[in-house]
Amino acid sequence: MEEMLAAVGWLLVVATAMPVLRRQSWWIRVFDFPRLQISAGLLLVAVLHGVPVEHSTAAHAFRALLAVCLALQIWRMLPYTPLTRSPSSTHARSDCKPRAE
């Protein structure tokens, strides 16, 4: 079970790292879109990997890598959520009156 979780975790880490590459190939850009699903998978693997508490350095490093990937996915999704302001709402409003036509 632990080997399967590690394999899925590594696949999700690769899926997180692929969009960072500056290539325009479809098989790299395809990982730009399922960010929510990748994030859910990272969270699930991190929780399930942490259930049998293993205190080895490799296990801690793997969990830290999963956390960094999850943070990167959330950071990339955040501008598209209601949690941030839209660029038009941060623009300074001018005191111009509308023109009468």
C-alpha atoms as a PDB file:
ATOM      1  CA  MET A   1       0.000   0.000   0.000  1.00  0.00           C
ATOM      2  CA  GLU A   2       2.796   2.386   0.867  1.00  0.00           C
ATOM      3  CA  GLU A   3       4.571   1.750  -2.444  1.00  0.00           C
ATOM      4  CA  MET A   4       1.361   2.473  -4.350  1.00  0.00           C
ATOM      5  CA  LEU A   5       0.861   5.738  -2.439  1.00  0.00           C
ATOM      6  CA  ALA A   6       4.443   6.710  -3.182  1.00  0.00           C
ATOM      7  CA  ALA A   7       3.983   5.957  -6.894  1.00  0.00           C
ATOM      8  CA  VAL A   8       0.782   8.008  -7.083  1.00  0.00           C
ATOM      9  CA  GLY A   9       2.460  10.787  -5.101  1.00  0.00           C
ATOM     10  CA  TRP A  10       5.411  10.886  -7.498  1.00  0.00           C
ATOM     11  CA  LEU A  11       3.052  10.994 -10.479  1.00  0.00           C
ATOM     12  CA  LEU A  12       1.257  13.960  -8.914  1.00  0.00           C
ATOM     13  CA  VAL A  13       4.591  15.681  -8.238  1.00  0.00           C
ATOM     14  CA  VAL A  14       5.520  15.234 -11.904  1.00  0.00           C
ATOM     15  CA  ALA A  15       2.065  16.518 -12.932  1.00  0.00           C
ATOM     16  CA  THR A  16       2.712  19.605 -10.795  1.00  0.00           C
ATOM     17  CA  ALA A  17       6.192  20.168 -12.222  1.00  0.00           C
ATOM     18  CA  MET A  18       5.308  19.747 -15.907  1.00  0.00           C
ATOM     19  CA  PRO A  19       3.510  23.122 -16.384  1.00  0.00           C
ATOM     20  CA  VAL A  20       6.575  24.907 -15.013  1.00  0.00           C
ATOM     21  CA  LEU A  21       8.445  23.937 -18.168  1.00  0.00           C
ATOM     22  CA  ARG A  22       8.358  26.602 -20.870  1.00  0.00           C
ATOM     23  CA  ARG A  23       7.326  24.175 -23.607  1.00  0.00           C
ATOM     24  CA  GLN A  24       4.136  24.547 -25.611  1.00  0.00           C
ATOM     25  CA  SER A  25       3.618  20.856 -26.341  1.00  0.00           C
ATOM     26  CA  TRP A  26       0.097  19.660 -25.612  1.00  0.00           C
ATOM     27  CA  TRP A  27       1.293  16.799 -23.403  1.00  0.00           C
ATOM     28  CA  ILE A  28       2.914  19.366 -21.081  1.00  0.00           C
ATOM     29  CA  ARG A  29       0.208  22.055 -21.250  1.00  0.00           C
ATOM     30  CA  VAL A  30      -2.503  19.489 -20.475  1.00  0.00           C
ATOM     31  CA  PHE A  31      -1.395  19.606 -16.822  1.00  0.00           C
ATOM     32  CA  ASP A  32      -2.378  23.303 -16.589  1.00  0.00           C
ATOM     33  CA  PHE A  33      -6.052  22.437 -16.339  1.00  0.00           C
ATOM     34  CA  PRO A  34      -6.746  19.724 -13.729  1.00  0.00           C
ATOM     35  CA  ARG A  35      -5.217  21.737 -10.859  1.00  0.00           C
ATOM     36  CA  LEU A  36      -8.111  21.091  -8.484  1.00  0.00           C
ATOM     37  CA  GLN A  37      -7.970  17.348  -9.107  1.00  0.00           C
ATOM     38  CA  ILE A  38      -4.183  17.271  -8.716  1.00  0.00           C
ATOM     39  CA  SER A  39      -4.506  19.242  -5.466  1.00  0.00           C
ATOM     40  CA  ALA A  40      -7.099  16.829  -4.125  1.00  0.00           C
ATOM     41  CA  GLY A  41      -4.856  13.904  -5.050  1.00  0.00           C
ATOM     42  CA  LEU A  42      -1.847  15.502  -3.364  1.00  0.00           C
ATOM     43  CA  LEU A  43      -3.847  16.121  -0.205  1.00  0.00           C
ATOM     44  CA  LEU A  44      -5.233  12.592  -0.191  1.00  0.00           C
ATOM     45  CA  VAL A  45      -1.815  11.006  -0.705  1.00  0.00           C
ATOM     46  CA  ALA A  46      -0.267  13.220   1.991  1.00  0.00           C
ATOM     47  CA  VAL A  47      -2.955  12.290   4.508  1.00  0.00           C
ATOM     48  CA  LEU A  48      -2.870   8.578   3.700  1.00  0.00           C
ATOM     49  CA  HIS A  49       0.932   8.542   3.667  1.00  0.00           C
ATOM     50  CA  GLY A  50       0.950  10.165   7.097  1.00  0.00           C
ATOM     51  CA  VAL A  51      -1.447   7.646   8.701  1.00  0.00           C
ATOM     52  CA  PRO A  52       1.198   4.984   9.340  1.00  0.00           C
ATOM     53  CA  VAL A  53       3.496   7.455  11.059  1.00  0.00           C
ATOM     54  CA  GLU A  54       6.967   6.769   9.749  1.00  0.00           C
ATOM     55  CA  HIS A  55       9.739   8.929  11.138  1.00  0.00           C
ATOM     56  CA  SER A  56      12.374   8.378   8.473  1.00  0.00           C
ATOM     57  CA  THR A  57      14.024  11.285   6.728  1.00  0.00           C
ATOM     58  CA  ALA A  58      12.806  10.051   3.349  1.00  0.00           C
ATOM     59  CA  ALA A  59       9.180   9.956   4.547  1.00  0.00           C
ATOM     60  CA  HIS A  60       9.438  13.487   5.932  1.00  0.00           C
ATOM     61  CA  ALA A  61      11.067  14.729   2.727  1.00  0.00           C
ATOM     62  CA  PHE A  62       8.343  13.093   0.621  1.00  0.00           C
ATOM     63  CA  ARG A  63       5.584  14.688   2.710  1.00  0.00           C
ATOM     64  CA  ALA A  64       7.351  18.063   2.488  1.00  0.00           C
ATOM     65  CA  LEU A  65       7.553  17.696  -1.301  1.00  0.00           C
ATOM     66  CA  LEU A  66       3.831  16.888  -1.437  1.00  0.00           C
ATOM     67  CA  ALA A  67       3.121  19.982   0.701  1.00  0.00           C
ATOM     68  CA  VAL A  68       5.214  22.210  -1.573  1.00  0.00           C
ATOM     69  CA  CYS A  69       3.426  20.867  -4.648  1.00  0.00           C
ATOM     70  CA  LEU A  70       0.039  21.409  -2.986  1.00  0.00           C
ATOM     71  CA  ALA A  71       1.010  24.986  -2.093  1.00  0.00           C
ATOM     72  CA  LEU A  72       2.116  25.602  -5.685  1.00  0.00           C
ATOM     73  CA  GLN A  73      -1.166  24.259  -7.052  1.00  0.00           C
ATOM     74  CA  ILE A  74      -3.197  26.422  -4.650  1.00  0.00           C
ATOM     75  CA  TRP A  75      -1.096  29.478  -5.481  1.00  0.00           C
ATOM     76  CA  ARG A  76      -1.755  28.940  -9.191  1.00  0.00           C
ATOM     77  CA  MET A  77      -5.531  28.507  -8.623  1.00  0.00           C
ATOM     78  CA  LEU A  78      -5.984  31.378  -6.165  1.00  0.00           C
ATOM     79  CA  PRO A  79      -6.390  34.213  -8.725  1.00  0.00           C
ATOM     80  CA  TYR A  80      -9.405  32.409 -10.196  1.00  0.00           C
ATOM     81  CA  THR A  81     -11.280  32.130  -6.909  1.00  0.00           C
ATOM     82  CA  PRO A  82     -13.505  34.645  -5.111  1.00  0.00           C
ATOM     83  CA  LEU A  83     -10.829  34.871  -2.399  1.00  0.00           C
ATOM     84  CA  THR A  84      -8.865  37.447  -4.384  1.00  0.00           C
ATOM     85  CA  ARG A  85      -9.932  40.725  -5.875  1.00  0.00           C
ATOM     86  CA  SER A  86     -10.343  41.020  -9.583  1.00  0.00           C
ATOM     87  CA  PRO A  87      -7.924  43.403 -11.331  1.00  0.00           C
ATOM     88  CA  SER A  88     -10.765  45.781 -12.199  1.00  0.00           C
ATOM     89  CA  SER A  89     -11.739  46.199  -8.531  1.00  0.00           C
ATOM     90  CA  THR A  90      -8.192  47.199  -7.545  1.00  0.00           C
ATOM     91  CA  HIS A  91      -7.970  49.920 -10.198  1.00  0.00           C
ATOM     92  CA  ALA A  92      -8.163  53.423  -8.748  1.00  0.00           C
ATOM     93  CA  ARG A  93     -11.478  55.046  -9.594  1.00  0.00           C
ATOM     94  CA  SER A  94     -11.374  58.476 -11.120  1.00  0.00           C
ATOM     95  CA  ASP A  95     -13.772  61.240 -10.209  1.00  0.00           C
ATOM     96  CA  CYS A  96     -14.746  61.871 -13.811  1.00  0.00           C
ATOM     97  CA  LYS A  97     -18.391  62.463 -14.501  1.00  0.00           C
ATOM     98  CA  PRO A  98     -19.976  60.602 -17.390  1.00  0.00           C
ATOM     99  CA  ARG A  99     -20.237  62.563 -20.582  1.00  0.00           C
ATOM    100  CA  ALA A 100     -23.632  63.788 -21.624  1.00  0.00           C
ATOM    101  CA  GLU A 101     -24.305  62.943 -25.235  1.00  0.00           C
END
